Every structure is written in structure tokens, then in C-alpha cells.
Amino acid sequence: MREQLKQWVDDLTGGDSTRAIAVVTGIPQATLARHLTMDTPPVETLIEIARAYNANPVEAQVVAGIITEAEAHRAGSGSAIRLASTRQLLTELIRRDRGDEEPTRRGPGHNGTRVPR
């Protein structure tokens, strides 16, 4: 597995062992161990890890080099804007106007988005 991807998995899982990740994801330990030794694990495995640890599965694909960051932004920007509530859009505009660099996060592994009400 590429170093950047290995670091992403370690950061995401808090350094959990392969066995612990297998339990959380439901992927058989032998399968997971085999996938995590590949240069680029199967996208399905990366998505399951991301979902199990409440991370954005698209980020896993970018880190793994499956898609580019530009492709991820193109795919997500239009739909995210359409799904955002007026309050969410205004909150983001105010945050940007104040010069805040990072979106507000609600906890570890949270992707910074909120579910529209």
C-alpha cells in the first residue's frame, strides 16, 4: 500500500490493528490484510473502511489515487450545494467572510457536512 494511503488508514482508524479494522468493517481479516498490502487496495475495501470510521469515501479514493482531487470536487460541488439548506449556505458564507480557514467539525472522523433539516 502506498505510504500516503497507509498514513490515511492509520490516522482514520487511530492505528487500529488489521484485526480491529476487520471487526469494525465486517471484512474478513485475511481479505483485509491481503488488500492492505496491495499498492492500491480494491476501492470497495477503501469505501468500507471510510464508512465504518465515518469518513468521506471519496477522500479515500483521492488518497489512493483512484480519482483526482479535481474530479472529486467536480463530482461533489454541484450536488452538495443543491442539498445544502439556506442556513448552511449562509453559515459558510459568514465563515468565509470572517476568514476562517477550516470548516467547523463536530468530532473525529466527521467530514464537516451537516444533514439538511
PDB file of N, CA and C in Angstrom:
ATOM      1  N   MET A   1       0.855  -1.174   0.000  1.00  0.00           N
ATOM      2  CA  MET A   1       0.000   0.000   0.000  1.00  0.00           C
ATOM      3  C   MET A   1       0.899   1.234   0.000  1.00  0.00           C
ATOM      4  N   ARG A   2       0.530   2.206  -0.808  1.00  0.00           N
ATOM      5  CA  ARG A   2       1.312   3.434  -0.881  1.00  0.00           C
ATOM      6  C   ARG A   2       1.356   4.118   0.484  1.00  0.00           C
ATOM      7  N   GLU A   3       2.452   4.806   0.747  1.00  0.00           N
ATOM      8  CA  GLU A   3       2.689   5.419   2.064  1.00  0.00           C
ATOM      9  C   GLU A   3       1.596   6.409   2.457  1.00  0.00           C
ATOM     10  N   GLN A   4       1.174   7.252   1.519  1.00  0.00           N
ATOM     11  CA  GLN A   4       0.136   8.245   1.829  1.00  0.00           C
ATOM     12  C   GLN A   4      -1.172   7.553   2.213  1.00  0.00           C
ATOM     13  N   LEU A   5      -1.508   6.492   1.503  1.00  0.00           N
ATOM     14  CA  LEU A   5      -2.735   5.764   1.802  1.00  0.00           C
ATOM     15  C   LEU A   5      -2.623   5.047   3.148  1.00  0.00           C
ATOM     16  N   LYS A   6      -1.459   4.457   3.406  1.00  0.00           N
ATOM     17  CA  LYS A   6      -1.231   3.788   4.698  1.00  0.00           C
ATOM     18  C   LYS A   6      -1.398   4.788   5.838  1.00  0.00           C
ATOM     19  N   GLN A   7      -0.839   5.980   5.666  1.00  0.00           N
ATOM     20  CA  GLN A   7      -0.953   7.017   6.695  1.00  0.00           C
ATOM     21  C   GLN A   7      -2.410   7.430   6.886  1.00  0.00           C
ATOM     22  N   TRP A   8      -3.167   7.531   5.795  1.00  0.00           N
ATOM     23  CA  TRP A   8      -4.585   7.894   5.883  1.00  0.00           C
ATOM     24  C   TRP A   8      -5.349   6.845   6.680  1.00  0.00           C
ATOM     25  N   VAL A   9      -5.105   5.561   6.390  1.00  0.00           N
ATOM     26  CA  VAL A   9      -5.784   4.484   7.114  1.00  0.00           C
ATOM     27  C   VAL A   9      -5.395   4.523   8.588  1.00  0.00           C
ATOM     28  N   ASP A  10      -4.097   4.702   8.876  1.00  0.00           N
ATOM     29  CA  ASP A  10      -3.643   4.762  10.268  1.00  0.00           C
ATOM     30  C   ASP A  10      -4.274   5.938  11.016  1.00  0.00           C
ATOM     31  N   ASP A  11      -4.296   7.102  10.370  1.00  0.00           N
ATOM     32  CA  ASP A  11      -4.899   8.280  11.011  1.00  0.00           C
ATOM     33  C   ASP A  11      -6.391   8.076  11.234  1.00  0.00           C
ATOM     34  N   LEU A  12      -7.060   7.557  10.229  1.00  0.00           N
ATOM     35  CA  LEU A  12      -8.508   7.359  10.295  1.00  0.00           C
ATOM     36  C   LEU A  12      -8.894   6.374  11.387  1.00  0.00           C
ATOM     37  N   THR A  13      -8.153   5.287  11.471  1.00  0.00           N
ATOM     38  CA  THR A  13      -8.503   4.214  12.411  1.00  0.00           C
ATOM     39  C   THR A  13      -7.866   4.381  13.778  1.00  0.00           C
ATOM     40  N   GLY A  14      -7.075   5.424  13.942  1.00  0.00           N
ATOM     41  CA  GLY A  14      -6.383   5.606  15.211  1.00  0.00           C
ATOM     42  C   GLY A  14      -5.314   4.546  15.432  1.00  0.00           C
ATOM     43  N   GLY A  15      -4.791   3.999  14.335  1.00  0.00           N
ATOM     44  CA  GLY A  15      -3.755   2.977  14.432  1.00  0.00           C
ATOM     45  C   GLY A  15      -4.279   1.598  14.777  1.00  0.00           C
ATOM     46  N   ASP A  16      -5.581   1.386  14.572  1.00  0.00           N
ATOM     47  CA  ASP A  16      -6.162   0.069  14.861  1.00  0.00           C
ATOM     48  C   ASP A  16      -5.428  -1.027  14.099  1.00  0.00           C
ATOM     49  N   SER A  17      -5.394  -2.195  14.683  1.00  0.00           N
ATOM     50  CA  SER A  17      -4.802  -3.356  14.027  1.00  0.00           C
ATOM     51  C   SER A  17      -5.698  -3.806  12.878  1.00  0.00           C
ATOM     52  N   THR A  18      -5.128  -4.625  12.002  1.00  0.00           N
ATOM     53  CA  THR A  18      -5.918  -5.182  10.906  1.00  0.00           C
ATOM     54  C   THR A  18      -7.107  -5.953  11.458  1.00  0.00           C
ATOM     55  N   ARG A  19      -6.876  -6.677  12.541  1.00  0.00           N
ATOM     56  CA  ARG A  19      -7.972  -7.443  13.167  1.00  0.00           C
ATOM     57  C   ARG A  19      -9.099  -6.518  13.625  1.00  0.00           C
ATOM     58  N   ALA A  20      -8.732  -5.415  14.277  1.00  0.00           N
ATOM     59  CA  ALA A  20      -9.743  -4.479  14.770  1.00  0.00           C
ATOM     60  C   ALA A  20     -10.493  -3.816  13.610  1.00  0.00           C
ATOM     61  N   ILE A  21      -9.768  -3.456  12.548  1.00  0.00           N
ATOM     62  CA  ILE A  21     -10.412  -2.853  11.377  1.00  0.00           C
ATOM     63  C   ILE A  21     -11.371  -3.859  10.746  1.00  0.00           C
ATOM     64  N   ALA A  22     -10.959  -5.119  10.699  1.00  0.00           N
ATOM     65  CA  ALA A  22     -11.816  -6.167  10.132  1.00  0.00           C
ATOM     66  C   ALA A  22     -13.111  -6.291  10.922  1.00  0.00           C
ATOM     67  N   VAL A  23     -13.025  -6.208  12.231  1.00  0.00           N
ATOM     68  CA  VAL A  23     -14.222  -6.305  13.072  1.00  0.00           C
ATOM     69  C   VAL A  23     -15.156  -5.134  12.793  1.00  0.00           C
ATOM     70  N   VAL A  24     -14.599  -3.931  12.732  1.00  0.00           N
ATOM     71  CA  VAL A  24     -15.409  -2.727  12.526  1.00  0.00           C
ATOM     72  C   VAL A  24     -16.045  -2.713  11.139  1.00  0.00           C
ATOM     73  N   THR A  25     -15.289  -3.144  10.127  1.00  0.00           N
ATOM     74  CA  THR A  25     -15.783  -3.074   8.751  1.00  0.00           C
ATOM     75  C   THR A  25     -16.611  -4.283   8.333  1.00  0.00           C
ATOM     76  N   GLY A  26     -16.399  -5.405   8.998  1.00  0.00           N
ATOM     77  CA  GLY A  26     -17.073  -6.632   8.588  1.00  0.00           C
ATOM     78  C   GLY A  26     -16.369  -7.349   7.449  1.00  0.00           C
ATOM     79  N   ILE A  27     -15.186  -6.878   7.073  1.00  0.00           N
ATOM     80  CA  ILE A  27     -14.390  -7.526   6.030  1.00  0.00           C
ATOM     81  C   ILE A  27     -13.580  -8.633   6.710  1.00  0.00           C
ATOM     82  N   PRO A  28     -13.563  -9.841   6.153  1.00  0.00           N
ATOM     83  CA  PRO A  28     -12.761 -10.908   6.763  1.00  0.00           C
ATOM     84  C   PRO A  28     -11.300 -10.461   6.936  1.00  0.00           C
ATOM     85  N   GLN A  29     -10.719 -10.801   8.076  1.00  0.00           N
ATOM     86  CA  GLN A  29      -9.378 -10.338   8.413  1.00  0.00           C
ATOM     87  C   GLN A  29      -8.346 -10.720   7.345  1.00  0.00           C
ATOM     88  N   ALA A  30      -8.383 -11.948   6.857  1.00  0.00           N
ATOM     89  CA  ALA A  30      -7.415 -12.386   5.841  1.00  0.00           C
ATOM     90  C   ALA A  30      -7.555 -11.564   4.567  1.00  0.00           C
ATOM     91  N   THR A  31      -8.787 -11.287   4.179  1.00  0.00           N
ATOM     92  CA  THR A  31      -9.041 -10.486   2.978  1.00  0.00           C
ATOM     93  C   THR A  31      -8.525  -9.069   3.176  1.00  0.00           C
ATOM     94  N   LEU A  32      -8.840  -8.491   4.326  1.00  0.00           N
ATOM     95  CA  LEU A  32      -8.405  -7.130   4.615  1.00  0.00           C
ATOM     96  C   LEU A  32      -6.881  -7.051   4.642  1.00  0.00           C
ATOM     97  N   ALA A  33      -6.243  -7.995   5.296  1.00  0.00           N
ATOM     98  CA  ALA A  33      -4.782  -7.993   5.373  1.00  0.00           C
ATOM     99  C   ALA A  33      -4.177  -8.067   3.970  1.00  0.00           C
ATOM    100  N   ARG A  34      -4.733  -8.900   3.129  1.00  0.00           N
ATOM    101  CA  ARG A  34      -4.243  -9.027   1.753  1.00  0.00           C
ATOM    102  C   ARG A  34      -4.453  -7.710   0.991  1.00  0.00           C
ATOM    103  N   HIS A  35      -5.617  -7.118   1.138  1.00  0.00           N
ATOM    104  CA  HIS A  35      -5.911  -5.866   0.439  1.00  0.00           C
ATOM    105  C   HIS A  35      -4.996  -4.739   0.895  1.00  0.00           C
ATOM    106  N   LEU A  36      -4.694  -4.691   2.181  1.00  0.00           N
ATOM    107  CA  LEU A  36      -3.879  -3.609   2.719  1.00  0.00           C
ATOM    108  C   LEU A  36      -2.398  -3.738   2.378  1.00  0.00           C
ATOM    109  N   THR A  37      -2.007  -4.854   1.775  1.00  0.00           N
ATOM    110  CA  THR A  37      -0.620  -4.993   1.319  1.00  0.00           C
ATOM    111  C   THR A  37      -0.478  -4.621  -0.155  1.00  0.00           C
ATOM    112  N   MET A  38      -1.592  -4.392  -0.842  1.00  0.00           N
ATOM    113  CA  MET A  38      -1.569  -4.023  -2.261  1.00  0.00           C
ATOM    114  C   MET A  38      -1.188  -2.553  -2.414  1.00  0.00           C
ATOM    115  N   ASP A  39      -0.592  -2.202  -3.568  1.00  0.00           N
ATOM    116  CA  ASP A  39      -0.295  -0.790  -3.835  1.00  0.00           C
ATOM    117  C   ASP A  39      -1.575   0.040  -3.796  1.00  0.00           C
ATOM    118  N   THR A  40      -2.616  -0.464  -4.437  1.00  0.00           N
ATOM    119  CA  THR A  40      -3.922   0.187  -4.404  1.00  0.00           C
ATOM    120  C   THR A  40      -4.964  -0.877  -4.069  1.00  0.00           C
ATOM    121  N   PRO A  41      -5.436  -0.890  -2.817  1.00  0.00           N
ATOM    122  CA  PRO A  41      -6.467  -1.860  -2.441  1.00  0.00           C
ATOM    123  C   PRO A  41      -7.730  -1.655  -3.265  1.00  0.00           C
ATOM    124  N   PRO A  42      -8.568  -2.675  -3.377  1.00  0.00           N
ATOM    125  CA  PRO A  42      -9.838  -2.510  -4.087  1.00  0.00           C
ATOM    126  C   PRO A  42     -10.638  -1.338  -3.517  1.00  0.00           C
ATOM    127  N   VAL A  43     -11.244  -0.586  -4.407  1.00  0.00           N
ATOM    128  CA  VAL A  43     -11.999   0.589  -4.000  1.00  0.00           C
ATOM    129  C   VAL A  43     -13.099   0.218  -2.996  1.00  0.00           C
ATOM    130  N   GLU A  44     -13.691  -0.956  -3.163  1.00  0.00           N
ATOM    131  CA  GLU A  44     -14.752  -1.388  -2.230  1.00  0.00           C
ATOM    132  C   GLU A  44     -14.223  -1.485  -0.798  1.00  0.00           C
ATOM    133  N   THR A  45     -13.001  -1.955  -0.655  1.00  0.00           N
ATOM    134  CA  THR A  45     -12.390  -2.070   0.678  1.00  0.00           C
ATOM    135  C   THR A  45     -12.167  -0.691   1.277  1.00  0.00           C
ATOM    136  N   LEU A  46     -11.652   0.225   0.477  1.00  0.00           N
ATOM    137  CA  LEU A  46     -11.413   1.581   0.962  1.00  0.00           C
ATOM    138  C   LEU A  46     -12.712   2.269   1.372  1.00  0.00           C
ATOM    139  N   ILE A  47     -13.740   2.060   0.583  1.00  0.00           N
ATOM    140  CA  ILE A  47     -15.039   2.652   0.896  1.00  0.00           C
ATOM    141  C   ILE A  47     -15.591   2.082   2.193  1.00  0.00           C
ATOM    142  N   GLU A  48     -15.479   0.779   2.381  1.00  0.00           N
ATOM    143  CA  GLU A  48     -15.965   0.156   3.626  1.00  0.00           C
ATOM    144  C   GLU A  48     -15.209   0.676   4.843  1.00  0.00           C
ATOM    145  N   ILE A  49     -13.907   0.853   4.720  1.00  0.00           N
ATOM    146  CA  ILE A  49     -13.120   1.403   5.835  1.00  0.00           C
ATOM    147  C   ILE A  49     -13.569   2.827   6.129  1.00  0.00           C
ATOM    148  N   ALA A  50     -13.700   3.636   5.087  1.00  0.00           N
ATOM    149  CA  ALA A  50     -14.129   5.024   5.277  1.00  0.00           C
ATOM    150  C   ALA A  50     -15.497   5.088   5.945  1.00  0.00           C
ATOM    151  N   ARG A  51     -16.428   4.308   5.455  1.00  0.00           N
ATOM    152  CA  ARG A  51     -17.782   4.315   6.035  1.00  0.00           C
ATOM    153  C   ARG A  51     -17.775   3.852   7.488  1.00  0.00           C
ATOM    154  N   ALA A  52     -17.034   2.807   7.766  1.00  0.00           N
ATOM    155  CA  ALA A  52     -17.002   2.253   9.125  1.00  0.00           C
ATOM    156  C   ALA A  52     -16.440   3.255  10.127  1.00  0.00           C
ATOM    157  N   TYR A  53     -15.558   4.129   9.662  1.00  0.00           N
ATOM    158  CA  TYR A  53     -14.934   5.117  10.547  1.00  0.00           C
ATOM    159  C   TYR A  53     -15.483   6.529  10.308  1.00  0.00           C
ATOM    160  N   ASN A  54     -16.664   6.606   9.703  1.00  0.00           N
ATOM    161  CA  ASN A  54     -17.367   7.881   9.488  1.00  0.00           C
ATOM    162  C   ASN A  54     -16.546   8.908   8.729  1.00  0.00           C
ATOM    163  N   ALA A  55     -15.861   8.463   7.697  1.00  0.00           N
ATOM    164  CA  ALA A  55     -15.084   9.369   6.850  1.00  0.00           C
ATOM    165  C   ALA A  55     -15.720   9.412   5.461  1.00  0.00           C
ATOM    166  N   ASN A  56     -15.316  10.371   4.688  1.00  0.00           N
ATOM    167  CA  ASN A  56     -15.833  10.523   3.338  1.00  0.00           C
ATOM    168  C   ASN A  56     -15.171   9.482   2.429  1.00  0.00           C
ATOM    169  N   PRO A  57     -15.937   8.571   1.831  1.00  0.00           N
ATOM    170  CA  PRO A  57     -15.355   7.556   0.952  1.00  0.00           C
ATOM    171  C   PRO A  57     -14.656   8.140  -0.273  1.00  0.00           C
ATOM    172  N   VAL A  58     -15.054   9.326  -0.694  1.00  0.00           N
ATOM    173  CA  VAL A  58     -14.407   9.957  -1.841  1.00  0.00           C
ATOM    174  C   VAL A  58     -12.969  10.336  -1.479  1.00  0.00           C
ATOM    175  N   GLU A  59     -12.764  10.781  -0.250  1.00  0.00           N
ATOM    176  CA  GLU A  59     -11.415  11.127   0.207  1.00  0.00           C
ATOM    177  C   GLU A  59     -10.488   9.917   0.111  1.00  0.00           C
ATOM    178  N   ALA A  60     -10.984   8.748   0.449  1.00  0.00           N
ATOM    179  CA  ALA A  60     -10.180   7.523   0.360  1.00  0.00           C
ATOM    180  C   ALA A  60      -9.754   7.273  -1.077  1.00  0.00           C
ATOM    181  N   GLN A  61     -10.646   7.522  -2.007  1.00  0.00           N
ATOM    182  CA  GLN A  61     -10.331   7.298  -3.415  1.00  0.00           C
ATOM    183  C   GLN A  61      -9.312   8.308  -3.934  1.00  0.00           C
ATOM    184  N   VAL A  62      -9.363   9.531  -3.421  1.00  0.00           N
ATOM    185  CA  VAL A  62      -8.379  10.542  -3.811  1.00  0.00           C
ATOM    186  C   VAL A  62      -7.009  10.157  -3.262  1.00  0.00           C
ATOM    187  N   VAL A  63      -6.947   9.813  -1.978  1.00  0.00           N
ATOM    188  CA  VAL A  63      -5.682   9.442  -1.349  1.00  0.00           C
ATOM    189  C   VAL A  63      -5.070   8.224  -2.035  1.00  0.00           C
ATOM    190  N   ALA A  64      -5.905   7.291  -2.467  1.00  0.00           N
ATOM    191  CA  ALA A  64      -5.418   6.081  -3.133  1.00  0.00           C
ATOM    192  C   ALA A  64      -5.021   6.334  -4.578  1.00  0.00           C
ATOM    193  N   GLY A  65      -5.348   7.498  -5.111  1.00  0.00           N
ATOM    194  CA  GLY A  65      -5.008   7.809  -6.488  1.00  0.00           C
ATOM    195  C   GLY A  65      -5.984   7.229  -7.502  1.00  0.00           C
ATOM    196  N   ILE A  66      -7.147   6.814  -7.033  1.00  0.00           N
ATOM    197  CA  ILE A  66      -8.165   6.254  -7.923  1.00  0.00           C
ATOM    198  C   ILE A  66      -8.831   7.359  -8.723  1.00  0.00           C
ATOM    199  N   ILE A  67      -9.105   8.475  -8.051  1.00  0.00           N
ATOM    200  CA  ILE A  67      -9.615   9.668  -8.716  1.00  0.00           C
ATOM    201  C   ILE A  67      -8.770  10.847  -8.265  1.00  0.00           C
ATOM    202  N   THR A  68      -8.788  11.911  -9.040  1.00  0.00           N
ATOM    203  CA  THR A  68      -8.023  13.102  -8.661  1.00  0.00           C
ATOM    204  C   THR A  68      -8.862  13.982  -7.743  1.00  0.00           C
ATOM    205  N   GLU A  69      -8.188  14.885  -7.067  1.00  0.00           N
ATOM    206  CA  GLU A  69      -8.901  15.822  -6.203  1.00  0.00           C
ATOM    207  C   GLU A  69      -9.837  16.703  -7.026  1.00  0.00           C
ATOM    208  N   ALA A  70      -9.404  17.080  -8.214  1.00  0.00           N
ATOM    209  CA  ALA A  70     -10.249  17.900  -9.091  1.00  0.00           C
ATOM    210  C   ALA A  70     -11.518  17.143  -9.475  1.00  0.00           C
ATOM    211  N   GLU A  71     -11.384  15.847  -9.765  1.00  0.00           N
ATOM    212  CA  GLU A  71     -12.561  15.044 -10.101  1.00  0.00           C
ATOM    213  C   GLU A  71     -13.514  14.950  -8.914  1.00  0.00           C
ATOM    214  N   ALA A  72     -12.957  14.790  -7.724  1.00  0.00           N
ATOM    215  CA  ALA A  72     -13.790  14.713  -6.521  1.00  0.00           C
ATOM    216  C   ALA A  72     -14.551  16.017  -6.307  1.00  0.00           C
ATOM    217  N   HIS A  73     -13.885  17.143  -6.525  1.00  0.00           N
ATOM    218  CA  HIS A  73     -14.551  18.439  -6.357  1.00  0.00           C
ATOM    219  C   HIS A  73     -15.635  18.644  -7.403  1.00  0.00           C
ATOM    220  N   ARG A  74     -15.332  18.276  -8.644  1.00  0.00           N
ATOM    221  CA  ARG A  74     -16.333  18.422  -9.701  1.00  0.00           C
ATOM    222  C   ARG A  74     -17.564  17.582  -9.407  1.00  0.00           C
ATOM    223  N   ALA A  75     -17.339  16.376  -8.929  1.00  0.00           N
ATOM    224  CA  ALA A  75     -18.461  15.471  -8.667  1.00  0.00           C
ATOM    225  C   ALA A  75     -19.301  15.933  -7.488  1.00  0.00           C
ATOM    226  N   GLY A  76     -18.669  16.504  -6.483  1.00  0.00           N
ATOM    227  CA  GLY A  76     -19.389  16.819  -5.266  1.00  0.00           C
ATOM    228  C   GLY A  76     -19.914  18.222  -5.141  1.00  0.00           C
ATOM    229  N   SER A  77     -19.320  19.168  -5.830  1.00  0.00           N
ATOM    230  CA  SER A  77     -19.682  20.558  -5.579  1.00  0.00           C
ATOM    231  C   SER A  77     -21.116  20.879  -5.953  1.00  0.00           C
ATOM    232  N   GLY A  78     -21.564  20.446  -7.089  1.00  0.00           N
ATOM    233  CA  GLY A  78     -22.923  20.766  -7.512  1.00  0.00           C
ATOM    234  C   GLY A  78     -23.970  20.129  -6.631  1.00  0.00           C
ATOM    235  N   SER A  79     -23.814  18.862  -6.333  1.00  0.00           N
ATOM    236  CA  SER A  79     -24.821  18.186  -5.519  1.00  0.00           C
ATOM    237  C   SER A  79     -24.798  18.680  -4.077  1.00  0.00           C
ATOM    238  N   ALA A  80     -23.619  18.990  -3.549  1.00  0.00           N
ATOM    239  CA  ALA A  80     -23.536  19.484  -2.172  1.00  0.00           C
ATOM    240  C   ALA A  80     -24.244  20.823  -2.045  1.00  0.00           C
ATOM    241  N   ILE A  81     -24.064  21.668  -3.014  1.00  0.00           N
ATOM    242  CA  ILE A  81     -24.706  22.978  -2.969  1.00  0.00           C
ATOM    243  C   ILE A  81     -26.222  22.826  -3.058  1.00  0.00           C
ATOM    244  N   ARG A  82     -26.669  21.961  -3.929  1.00  0.00           N
ATOM    245  CA  ARG A  82     -28.122  21.764  -4.075  1.00  0.00           C
ATOM    246  C   ARG A  82     -28.739  21.163  -2.818  1.00  0.00           C
ATOM    247  N   LEU A  83     -27.994  20.344  -2.103  1.00  0.00           N
ATOM    248  CA  LEU A  83     -28.533  19.702  -0.898  1.00  0.00           C
ATOM    249  C   LEU A  83     -28.433  20.577   0.347  1.00  0.00           C
ATOM    250  N   ALA A  84     -27.600  21.592   0.301  1.00  0.00           N
ATOM    251  CA  ALA A  84     -27.405  22.447   1.468  1.00  0.00           C
ATOM    252  C   ALA A  84     -28.631  23.328   1.694  1.00  0.00           C
ATOM    253  N   SER A  85     -28.951  23.507   2.969  1.00  0.00           N
ATOM    254  CA  SER A  85     -30.059  24.400   3.313  1.00  0.00           C
ATOM    255  C   SER A  85     -29.600  25.849   3.186  1.00  0.00           C
ATOM    256  N   THR A  86     -30.534  26.749   3.168  1.00  0.00           N
ATOM    257  CA  THR A  86     -30.200  28.170   3.112  1.00  0.00           C
ATOM    258  C   THR A  86     -29.343  28.551   4.314  1.00  0.00           C
ATOM    259  N   ARG A  87     -29.690  28.035   5.478  1.00  0.00           N
ATOM    260  CA  ARG A  87     -28.915  28.315   6.695  1.00  0.00           C
ATOM    261  C   ARG A  87     -27.477  27.830   6.543  1.00  0.00           C
ATOM    262  N   GLN A  88     -27.278  26.643   5.982  1.00  0.00           N
ATOM    263  CA  GLN A  88     -25.926  26.109   5.796  1.00  0.00           C
ATOM    264  C   GLN A  88     -25.127  26.980   4.828  1.00  0.00           C
ATOM    265  N   LEU A  89     -25.762  27.405   3.752  1.00  0.00           N
ATOM    266  CA  LEU A  89     -25.080  28.259   2.789  1.00  0.00           C
ATOM    267  C   LEU A  89     -24.678  29.589   3.430  1.00  0.00           C
ATOM    268  N   LEU A  90     -25.588  30.184   4.183  1.00  0.00           N
ATOM    269  CA  LEU A  90     -25.282  31.456   4.842  1.00  0.00           C
ATOM    270  C   LEU A  90     -24.181  31.293   5.889  1.00  0.00           C
ATOM    271  N   THR A  91     -24.227  30.199   6.649  1.00  0.00           N
ATOM    272  CA  THR A  91     -23.187  29.938   7.648  1.00  0.00           C
ATOM    273  C   THR A  91     -21.822  29.829   6.987  1.00  0.00           C
ATOM    274  N   GLU A  92     -21.750  29.147   5.866  1.00  0.00           N
ATOM    275  CA  GLU A  92     -20.487  29.016   5.135  1.00  0.00           C
ATOM    276  C   GLU A  92     -20.014  30.357   4.597  1.00  0.00           C
ATOM    277  N   LEU A  93     -20.921  31.159   4.077  1.00  0.00           N
ATOM    278  CA  LEU A  93     -20.533  32.484   3.588  1.00  0.00           C
ATOM    279  C   LEU A  93     -19.998  33.364   4.716  1.00  0.00           C
ATOM    280  N   ILE A  94     -20.638  33.312   5.876  1.00  0.00           N
ATOM    281  CA  ILE A  94     -20.178  34.089   7.024  1.00  0.00           C
ATOM    282  C   ILE A  94     -18.804  33.597   7.472  1.00  0.00           C
ATOM    283  N   ARG A  95     -18.614  32.283   7.506  1.00  0.00           N
ATOM    284  CA  ARG A  95     -17.324  31.709   7.898  1.00  0.00           C
ATOM    285  C   ARG A  95     -16.224  32.207   6.961  1.00  0.00           C
ATOM    286  N   ARG A  96     -16.501  32.183   5.676  1.00  0.00           N
ATOM    287  CA  ARG A  96     -15.506  32.631   4.700  1.00  0.00           C
ATOM    288  C   ARG A  96     -15.236  34.130   4.833  1.00  0.00           C
ATOM    289  N   ASP A  97     -16.294  34.893   5.072  1.00  0.00           N
ATOM    290  CA  ASP A  97     -16.147  36.337   5.215  1.00  0.00           C
ATOM    291  C   ASP A  97     -15.275  36.689   6.420  1.00  0.00           C
ATOM    292  N   ARG A  98     -15.388  35.900   7.477  1.00  0.00           N
ATOM    293  CA  ARG A  98     -14.578  36.124   8.679  1.00  0.00           C
ATOM    294  C   ARG A  98     -13.127  35.695   8.480  1.00  0.00           C
ATOM    295  N   GLY A  99     -12.881  34.924   7.424  1.00  0.00           N
ATOM    296  CA  GLY A  99     -11.520  34.470   7.158  1.00  0.00           C
ATOM    297  C   GLY A  99     -11.159  33.159   7.839  1.00  0.00           C
ATOM    298  N   ASP A 100     -12.158  32.460   8.390  1.00  0.00           N
ATOM    299  CA  ASP A 100     -11.876  31.159   8.989  1.00  0.00           C
ATOM    300  C   ASP A 100     -11.356  30.237   7.905  1.00  0.00           C
ATOM    301  N   GLU A 101     -10.289  29.504   8.220  1.00  0.00           N
ATOM    302  CA  GLU A 101      -9.689  28.641   7.206  1.00  0.00           C
ATOM    303  C   GLU A 101     -10.284  27.252   7.184  1.00  0.00           C
ATOM    304  N   GLU A 102     -10.701  26.743   8.304  1.00  0.00           N
ATOM    305  CA  GLU A 102     -11.196  25.372   8.378  1.00  0.00           C
ATOM    306  C   GLU A 102     -12.690  25.356   8.667  1.00  0.00           C
ATOM    307  N   PRO A 103     -13.456  24.485   7.980  1.00  0.00           N
ATOM    308  CA  PRO A 103     -14.876  24.351   8.320  1.00  0.00           C
ATOM    309  C   PRO A 103     -15.022  23.781   9.725  1.00  0.00           C
ATOM    310  N   THR A 104     -16.122  24.113  10.357  1.00  0.00           N
ATOM    311  CA  THR A 104     -16.380  23.613  11.696  1.00  0.00           C
ATOM    312  C   THR A 104     -16.554  22.107  11.664  1.00  0.00           C
ATOM    313  N   ARG A 105     -15.897  21.406  12.590  1.00  0.00           N
ATOM    314  CA  ARG A 105     -16.017  19.954  12.693  1.00  0.00           C
ATOM    315  C   ARG A 105     -16.713  19.624  14.003  1.00  0.00           C
ATOM    316  N   ARG A 106     -17.477  18.541  13.976  1.00  0.00           N
ATOM    317  CA  ARG A 106     -18.211  18.145  15.174  1.00  0.00           C
ATOM    318  C   ARG A 106     -17.545  17.008  15.911  1.00  0.00           C
ATOM    319  N   GLY A 107     -16.444  16.473  15.415  1.00  0.00           N
ATOM    320  CA  GLY A 107     -15.768  15.382  16.116  1.00  0.00           C
ATOM    321  C   GLY A 107     -14.870  14.612  15.178  1.00  0.00           C
ATOM    322  N   PRO A 108     -14.082  13.649  15.719  1.00  0.00           N
ATOM    323  CA  PRO A 108     -13.162  12.880  14.896  1.00  0.00           C
ATOM    324  C   PRO A 108     -13.892  12.112  13.812  1.00  0.00           C
ATOM    325  N   GLY A 109     -13.290  12.106  12.625  1.00  0.00           N
ATOM    326  CA  GLY A 109     -13.847  11.334  11.526  1.00  0.00           C
ATOM    327  C   GLY A 109     -15.024  11.988  10.837  1.00  0.00           C
ATOM    328  N   HIS A 110     -15.460  13.171  11.324  1.00  0.00           N
ATOM    329  CA  HIS A 110     -16.606  13.834  10.727  1.00  0.00           C
ATOM    330  C   HIS A 110     -16.143  14.600   9.514  1.00  0.00           C
ATOM    331  N   ASN A 111     -16.885  14.559   8.442  1.00  0.00           N
ATOM    332  CA  ASN A 111     -16.451  15.177   7.199  1.00  0.00           C
ATOM    333  C   ASN A 111     -16.827  16.648   7.082  1.00  0.00           C
ATOM    334  N   GLY A 112     -17.347  17.241   8.138  1.00  0.00           N
ATOM    335  CA  GLY A 112     -17.622  18.668   8.134  1.00  0.00           C
ATOM    336  C   GLY A 112     -18.953  19.064   7.531  1.00  0.00           C
ATOM    337  N   THR A 113     -19.728  18.108   7.040  1.00  0.00           N
ATOM    338  CA  THR A 113     -21.027  18.448   6.474  1.00  0.00           C
ATOM    339  C   THR A 113     -22.119  18.160   7.478  1.00  0.00           C
ATOM    340  N   ARG A 114     -23.223  18.816   7.277  1.00  0.00           N
ATOM    341  CA  ARG A 114     -24.374  18.574   8.148  1.00  0.00           C
ATOM    342  C   ARG A 114     -25.540  18.102   7.303  1.00  0.00           C
ATOM    343  N   VAL A 115     -26.402  17.343   7.898  1.00  0.00           N
ATOM    344  CA  VAL A 115     -27.569  16.852   7.187  1.00  0.00           C
ATOM    345  C   VAL A 115     -28.604  17.966   7.145  1.00  0.00           C
ATOM    346  N   PRO A 116     -29.128  18.283   5.956  1.00  0.00           N
ATOM    347  CA  PRO A 116     -30.155  19.334   5.866  1.00  0.00           C
ATOM    348  C   PRO A 116     -31.390  18.964   6.691  1.00  0.00           C
ATOM    349  N   ARG A 117     -31.976  19.971   7.307  1.00  0.00           N
ATOM    350  CA  ARG A 117     -33.182  19.742   8.132  1.00  0.00           C
ATOM    351  C   ARG A 117     -34.424  19.981   7.348  1.00  0.00           C
TER     352      ARG A 117
END
